Amino acid sequence: MNMARIAFEKIMAGLEDALAYADGDSSRGTVHQVKVADVDITHLREKLGLSQDRFAALFGLSARTVRNWEQGVRHPEGPARILLQVIDREPEAVMRALHASVQVIFDADKEQAALHVAEGSAHYRA
């Protein structure tokens, strides 16, 4: 059997498994779930020295969503949960991805950071 035929058969077998799994046959598929830890959004926002409105604006969220998360009315899920983890661990990386030029200035006395977005001369502080 040539390599193209072998590859085709593997693809077809995978497709058949996927269709069977979609029809409820869990024996023909494997599900991988990634557990993402909760983020204390209030603590994260305060650590960055941002109000709810500024935090929401900087990271492409609605202020209402941030308030609901902080009050426990709703909880971040899926991609939002992952985004919050990345913001918590690497805020500068997220800001660089979202904005042209960013500096995070840490004030040791206040134990908080202030984000400075160079483009547009916008400063974000608590």
N, C-alpha and C. Protein backbone atom coordinates (compact mmCIF):
# COMPACT_ATOMS: atom_id res chain seq x y z
N MET A 1 0.84 -1.17 0.00
CA MET A 1 0.00 0.00 0.00
C MET A 1 0.89 1.25 0.00
N ASN A 2 0.55 2.25 -0.80
CA ASN A 2 1.39 3.44 -0.83
C ASN A 2 1.04 4.38 0.33
N MET A 3 1.91 5.37 0.55
CA MET A 3 1.77 6.27 1.70
C MET A 3 0.50 7.11 1.62
N ALA A 4 0.13 7.51 0.43
CA ALA A 4 -1.08 8.32 0.27
C ALA A 4 -2.31 7.53 0.70
N ARG A 5 -2.35 6.25 0.33
CA ARG A 5 -3.48 5.40 0.70
C ARG A 5 -3.54 5.18 2.21
N ILE A 6 -2.38 4.98 2.83
CA ILE A 6 -2.31 4.80 4.29
C ILE A 6 -2.81 6.07 5.00
N ALA A 7 -2.36 7.23 4.52
CA ALA A 7 -2.79 8.50 5.11
C ALA A 7 -4.30 8.67 4.96
N PHE A 8 -4.82 8.35 3.78
CA PHE A 8 -6.25 8.46 3.53
C PHE A 8 -7.04 7.56 4.50
N GLU A 9 -6.60 6.35 4.68
CA GLU A 9 -7.30 5.42 5.57
C GLU A 9 -7.27 5.89 7.02
N LYS A 10 -6.15 6.48 7.44
CA LYS A 10 -6.07 7.01 8.81
C LYS A 10 -7.03 8.19 8.98
N ILE A 11 -7.08 9.04 7.98
CA ILE A 11 -7.99 10.19 8.03
C ILE A 11 -9.44 9.72 8.08
N MET A 12 -9.78 8.75 7.26
CA MET A 12 -11.15 8.21 7.24
C MET A 12 -11.51 7.55 8.57
N ALA A 13 -10.56 6.82 9.15
CA ALA A 13 -10.81 6.18 10.45
C ALA A 13 -11.05 7.25 11.51
N GLY A 14 -10.26 8.31 11.47
CA GLY A 14 -10.44 9.41 12.42
C GLY A 14 -11.78 10.09 12.24
N LEU A 15 -12.18 10.28 10.99
CA LEU A 15 -13.47 10.90 10.70
C LEU A 15 -14.61 10.02 11.19
N GLU A 16 -14.51 8.73 10.97
CA GLU A 16 -15.54 7.80 11.45
C GLU A 16 -15.63 7.83 12.97
N ASP A 17 -14.48 7.88 13.64
CA ASP A 17 -14.47 7.97 15.11
C ASP A 17 -15.13 9.27 15.57
N ALA A 18 -14.82 10.38 14.89
CA ALA A 18 -15.39 11.68 15.25
C ALA A 18 -16.90 11.67 15.08
N LEU A 19 -17.37 11.10 13.98
CA LEU A 19 -18.82 11.03 13.74
C LEU A 19 -19.50 10.14 14.78
N ALA A 20 -18.88 9.02 15.11
CA ALA A 20 -19.44 8.13 16.12
C ALA A 20 -19.49 8.83 17.47
N TYR A 21 -18.44 9.57 17.81
CA TYR A 21 -18.40 10.30 19.08
C TYR A 21 -19.51 11.35 19.10
N ALA A 22 -19.68 12.06 17.98
CA ALA A 22 -20.73 13.08 17.90
C ALA A 22 -22.12 12.46 18.06
N ASP A 23 -22.25 11.19 17.67
CA ASP A 23 -23.53 10.49 17.81
C ASP A 23 -23.69 9.84 19.18
N GLY A 24 -22.75 10.05 20.08
CA GLY A 24 -22.88 9.56 21.45
C GLY A 24 -22.04 8.36 21.82
N ASP A 25 -21.23 7.85 20.90
CA ASP A 25 -20.36 6.70 21.20
C ASP A 25 -19.05 7.21 21.77
N SER A 26 -19.01 7.37 23.10
CA SER A 26 -17.82 7.94 23.74
C SER A 26 -16.64 6.99 23.76
N SER A 27 -16.85 5.74 23.39
CA SER A 27 -15.73 4.79 23.37
C SER A 27 -14.79 5.04 22.19
N ARG A 28 -15.22 5.86 21.23
CA ARG A 28 -14.41 6.08 20.03
C ARG A 28 -13.76 7.45 20.00
N GLY A 29 -13.66 8.08 21.14
CA GLY A 29 -13.03 9.40 21.18
C GLY A 29 -12.44 9.68 22.54
N THR A 30 -11.55 10.62 22.58
CA THR A 30 -10.92 11.04 23.82
C THR A 30 -11.14 12.54 23.98
N VAL A 31 -11.60 12.93 25.13
CA VAL A 31 -11.82 14.34 25.41
C VAL A 31 -10.72 14.81 26.35
N HIS A 32 -10.08 15.90 25.98
CA HIS A 32 -9.05 16.51 26.82
C HIS A 32 -9.61 17.84 27.34
N GLN A 33 -9.63 17.98 28.64
CA GLN A 33 -10.09 19.22 29.23
C GLN A 33 -8.93 19.88 29.96
N VAL A 34 -8.80 21.17 29.76
CA VAL A 34 -7.77 21.94 30.44
C VAL A 34 -8.45 22.69 31.58
N LYS A 35 -7.98 22.45 32.78
CA LYS A 35 -8.53 23.14 33.94
C LYS A 35 -7.78 24.45 34.12
N VAL A 36 -8.52 25.55 34.14
CA VAL A 36 -7.93 26.87 34.33
C VAL A 36 -8.37 27.36 35.70
N ALA A 37 -7.41 27.71 36.52
CA ALA A 37 -7.71 28.15 37.88
C ALA A 37 -8.50 29.45 37.88
N ASP A 38 -9.26 29.65 38.94
CA ASP A 38 -9.99 30.91 39.10
C ASP A 38 -9.02 32.05 39.32
N VAL A 39 -9.41 33.22 38.88
CA VAL A 39 -8.63 34.44 39.12
C VAL A 39 -9.49 35.36 39.97
N ASP A 40 -8.90 35.91 41.02
CA ASP A 40 -9.58 36.91 41.84
C ASP A 40 -9.52 38.21 41.05
N ILE A 41 -10.59 38.53 40.37
CA ILE A 41 -10.60 39.65 39.44
C ILE A 41 -10.40 40.97 40.17
N THR A 42 -11.03 41.12 41.33
CA THR A 42 -10.85 42.36 42.09
C THR A 42 -9.39 42.54 42.46
N HIS A 43 -8.76 41.49 42.96
CA HIS A 43 -7.34 41.56 43.33
C HIS A 43 -6.48 41.87 42.11
N LEU A 44 -6.75 41.21 41.00
CA LEU A 44 -6.00 41.45 39.77
C LEU A 44 -6.13 42.90 39.33
N ARG A 45 -7.35 43.40 39.30
CA ARG A 45 -7.59 44.77 38.86
C ARG A 45 -6.90 45.77 39.78
N GLU A 46 -6.99 45.54 41.09
CA GLU A 46 -6.35 46.44 42.05
C GLU A 46 -4.83 46.34 41.97
N LYS A 47 -4.32 45.15 41.72
CA LYS A 47 -2.87 44.96 41.56
C LYS A 47 -2.36 45.81 40.40
N LEU A 48 -3.18 45.94 39.36
CA LEU A 48 -2.80 46.74 38.20
C LEU A 48 -3.11 48.22 38.38
N GLY A 49 -3.77 48.56 39.49
CA GLY A 49 -4.07 49.95 39.78
C GLY A 49 -5.15 50.53 38.88
N LEU A 50 -6.15 49.73 38.54
CA LEU A 50 -7.17 50.15 37.59
C LEU A 50 -8.56 50.13 38.21
N SER A 51 -9.38 51.08 37.79
CA SER A 51 -10.80 51.04 38.16
C SER A 51 -11.47 49.96 37.31
N GLN A 52 -12.68 49.63 37.66
CA GLN A 52 -13.41 48.63 36.87
C GLN A 52 -13.57 49.08 35.42
N ASP A 53 -13.92 50.35 35.24
CA ASP A 53 -14.12 50.87 33.89
C ASP A 53 -12.84 50.85 33.07
N ARG A 54 -11.73 51.24 33.69
CA ARG A 54 -10.46 51.27 32.96
C ARG A 54 -9.97 49.85 32.65
N PHE A 55 -10.12 48.95 33.61
CA PHE A 55 -9.74 47.55 33.39
C PHE A 55 -10.52 47.00 32.20
N ALA A 56 -11.83 47.22 32.21
CA ALA A 56 -12.69 46.73 31.13
C ALA A 56 -12.25 47.32 29.79
N ALA A 57 -12.03 48.62 29.75
CA ALA A 57 -11.66 49.28 28.49
C ALA A 57 -10.32 48.78 27.96
N LEU A 58 -9.35 48.62 28.85
CA LEU A 58 -8.02 48.18 28.42
C LEU A 58 -8.01 46.78 27.85
N PHE A 59 -8.84 45.89 28.40
CA PHE A 59 -8.78 44.50 28.01
C PHE A 59 -9.97 44.04 27.16
N GLY A 60 -10.73 45.00 26.63
CA GLY A 60 -11.80 44.66 25.70
C GLY A 60 -12.99 43.98 26.33
N LEU A 61 -13.28 44.34 27.56
CA LEU A 61 -14.42 43.77 28.28
C LEU A 61 -15.45 44.86 28.53
N SER A 62 -16.66 44.49 28.84
CA SER A 62 -17.63 45.51 29.23
C SER A 62 -17.49 45.75 30.73
N ALA A 63 -17.71 46.99 31.14
CA ALA A 63 -17.63 47.33 32.57
C ALA A 63 -18.67 46.52 33.35
N ARG A 64 -19.82 46.30 32.75
CA ARG A 64 -20.87 45.52 33.41
C ARG A 64 -20.41 44.09 33.67
N THR A 65 -19.71 43.50 32.71
CA THR A 65 -19.20 42.15 32.88
C THR A 65 -18.21 42.10 34.04
N VAL A 66 -17.29 43.06 34.09
CA VAL A 66 -16.30 43.10 35.17
C VAL A 66 -17.01 43.23 36.51
N ARG A 67 -17.99 44.13 36.61
CA ARG A 67 -18.75 44.29 37.86
C ARG A 67 -19.45 42.98 38.25
N ASN A 68 -20.08 42.33 37.28
CA ASN A 68 -20.77 41.07 37.57
C ASN A 68 -19.81 39.99 38.06
N TRP A 69 -18.63 39.93 37.46
CA TRP A 69 -17.63 38.96 37.90
C TRP A 69 -17.20 39.26 39.33
N GLU A 70 -16.91 40.53 39.61
CA GLU A 70 -16.42 40.90 40.94
C GLU A 70 -17.48 40.68 42.01
N GLN A 71 -18.74 40.87 41.67
CA GLN A 71 -19.83 40.70 42.64
C GLN A 71 -20.30 39.26 42.74
N GLY A 72 -19.74 38.39 41.91
CA GLY A 72 -20.12 36.98 41.95
C GLY A 72 -21.45 36.68 41.26
N VAL A 73 -22.00 37.67 40.55
CA VAL A 73 -23.25 37.46 39.82
C VAL A 73 -23.02 36.48 38.68
N ARG A 74 -21.89 36.62 38.04
CA ARG A 74 -21.48 35.72 36.95
C ARG A 74 -20.03 35.34 37.18
N HIS A 75 -19.58 34.34 36.45
CA HIS A 75 -18.19 33.89 36.55
C HIS A 75 -17.61 33.77 35.15
N PRO A 76 -16.36 34.20 34.98
CA PRO A 76 -15.76 34.08 33.65
C PRO A 76 -15.64 32.62 33.24
N GLU A 77 -15.88 32.38 31.97
CA GLU A 77 -15.80 31.02 31.44
C GLU A 77 -14.94 31.02 30.18
N GLY A 78 -14.48 29.85 29.81
CA GLY A 78 -13.79 29.64 28.54
C GLY A 78 -12.67 30.63 28.27
N PRO A 79 -12.71 31.27 27.10
CA PRO A 79 -11.64 32.18 26.71
C PRO A 79 -11.44 33.35 27.67
N ALA A 80 -12.53 33.85 28.27
CA ALA A 80 -12.40 34.96 29.22
C ALA A 80 -11.58 34.54 30.43
N ARG A 81 -11.80 33.33 30.88
CA ARG A 81 -11.06 32.80 32.03
C ARG A 81 -9.57 32.69 31.71
N ILE A 82 -9.29 32.23 30.51
CA ILE A 82 -7.89 32.10 30.07
C ILE A 82 -7.26 33.47 29.93
N LEU A 83 -8.00 34.42 29.34
CA LEU A 83 -7.49 35.79 29.20
C LEU A 83 -7.13 36.36 30.57
N LEU A 84 -7.98 36.16 31.56
CA LEU A 84 -7.71 36.69 32.90
C LEU A 84 -6.46 36.05 33.50
N GLN A 85 -6.25 34.76 33.26
CA GLN A 85 -5.03 34.10 33.73
C GLN A 85 -3.80 34.75 33.10
N VAL A 86 -3.86 35.00 31.81
CA VAL A 86 -2.72 35.59 31.11
C VAL A 86 -2.50 37.02 31.60
N ILE A 87 -3.57 37.78 31.78
CA ILE A 87 -3.44 39.15 32.30
C ILE A 87 -2.79 39.11 33.68
N ASP A 88 -3.19 38.15 34.51
CA ASP A 88 -2.64 38.04 35.85
C ASP A 88 -1.14 37.75 35.82
N ARG A 89 -0.73 36.87 34.92
CA ARG A 89 0.68 36.45 34.88
C ARG A 89 1.55 37.33 34.00
N GLU A 90 1.00 37.83 32.90
CA GLU A 90 1.79 38.59 31.93
C GLU A 90 1.01 39.79 31.40
N PRO A 91 0.69 40.76 32.27
CA PRO A 91 -0.12 41.89 31.80
C PRO A 91 0.54 42.67 30.66
N GLU A 92 1.86 42.79 30.70
CA GLU A 92 2.54 43.52 29.64
C GLU A 92 2.37 42.83 28.29
N ALA A 93 2.41 41.51 28.27
CA ALA A 93 2.26 40.77 27.01
C ALA A 93 0.87 41.00 26.42
N VAL A 94 -0.14 40.98 27.27
CA VAL A 94 -1.50 41.21 26.79
C VAL A 94 -1.62 42.64 26.26
N MET A 95 -1.06 43.58 27.00
CA MET A 95 -1.14 44.97 26.56
C MET A 95 -0.39 45.18 25.25
N ARG A 96 0.76 44.54 25.11
CA ARG A 96 1.49 44.66 23.84
C ARG A 96 0.67 44.10 22.69
N ALA A 97 -0.04 43.03 22.95
CA ALA A 97 -0.87 42.43 21.90
C ALA A 97 -2.06 43.32 21.55
N LEU A 98 -2.59 44.03 22.53
CA LEU A 98 -3.78 44.85 22.30
C LEU A 98 -3.47 46.29 21.91
N HIS A 99 -2.33 46.78 22.31
CA HIS A 99 -1.99 48.19 22.10
C HIS A 99 -0.56 48.28 21.57
N ALA A 100 -0.24 49.38 20.95
CA ALA A 100 1.05 49.52 20.28
C ALA A 100 2.24 49.47 21.23
N SER A 101 2.23 50.24 22.30
CA SER A 101 3.39 50.30 23.18
C SER A 101 2.92 50.49 24.61
N VAL A 102 3.42 49.65 25.50
CA VAL A 102 2.94 49.65 26.87
C VAL A 102 4.09 49.53 27.85
N GLN A 103 3.98 50.21 28.96
CA GLN A 103 4.91 50.04 30.07
C GLN A 103 4.06 49.74 31.30
N VAL A 104 4.51 48.84 32.13
CA VAL A 104 3.86 48.63 33.42
C VAL A 104 4.81 49.18 34.46
N ILE A 105 4.34 50.17 35.20
CA ILE A 105 5.16 50.84 36.21
C ILE A 105 4.67 50.36 37.57
N PHE A 106 5.56 49.72 38.33
CA PHE A 106 5.17 49.16 39.63
C PHE A 106 5.56 50.12 40.73
N ASP A 107 4.60 50.46 41.58
CA ASP A 107 4.83 51.33 42.72
C ASP A 107 4.92 50.44 43.96
N ALA A 108 6.14 50.21 44.45
CA ALA A 108 6.36 49.30 45.57
C ALA A 108 5.65 49.78 46.84
N ASP A 109 5.56 51.11 47.02
CA ASP A 109 4.90 51.63 48.22
C ASP A 109 3.41 51.29 48.23
N LYS A 110 2.79 51.36 47.08
CA LYS A 110 1.36 51.08 46.99
C LYS A 110 1.09 49.63 46.63
N GLU A 111 2.14 48.88 46.32
CA GLU A 111 2.02 47.49 45.90
C GLU A 111 1.03 47.34 44.75
N GLN A 112 1.12 48.24 43.79
CA GLN A 112 0.27 48.12 42.62
C GLN A 112 1.01 48.64 41.40
N ALA A 113 0.52 48.25 40.27
CA ALA A 113 1.14 48.67 39.02
C ALA A 113 0.21 49.64 38.32
N ALA A 114 0.79 50.51 37.55
CA ALA A 114 0.01 51.40 36.70
C ALA A 114 0.42 51.12 35.27
N LEU A 115 -0.54 50.94 34.42
CA LEU A 115 -0.25 50.68 33.02
C LEU A 115 -0.16 52.00 32.28
N HIS A 116 0.85 52.14 31.49
CA HIS A 116 1.03 53.34 30.68
C HIS A 116 1.01 52.93 29.23
N VAL A 117 0.02 53.39 28.51
CA VAL A 117 -0.07 53.10 27.09
C VAL A 117 0.55 54.28 26.36
N ALA A 118 1.72 54.05 25.77
CA ALA A 118 2.47 55.13 25.15
C ALA A 118 1.73 55.75 23.98
N GLU A 119 1.20 54.94 23.10
CA GLU A 119 0.50 55.49 21.94
C GLU A 119 -0.79 56.14 22.41
N GLY A 120 -0.97 57.39 22.07
CA GLY A 120 -2.16 58.11 22.51
C GLY A 120 -1.98 58.78 23.86
N SER A 121 -0.82 58.61 24.47
CA SER A 121 -0.50 59.23 25.76
C SER A 121 -1.56 58.98 26.82
N ALA A 122 -2.12 57.82 26.84
CA ALA A 122 -3.13 57.49 27.84
C ALA A 122 -2.47 56.86 29.05
N HIS A 123 -2.79 57.35 30.22
CA HIS A 123 -2.27 56.78 31.47
C HIS A 123 -3.44 56.15 32.21
N TYR A 124 -3.21 54.99 32.79
CA TYR A 124 -4.26 54.31 33.53
C TYR A 124 -3.76 54.06 34.94
N ARG A 125 -4.37 54.73 35.90
CA ARG A 125 -4.03 54.58 37.31
C ARG A 125 -5.31 54.44 38.11
N ALA A 126 -5.17 53.93 39.31
CA ALA A 126 -6.35 53.75 40.18
C ALA A 126 -6.95 55.09 40.55
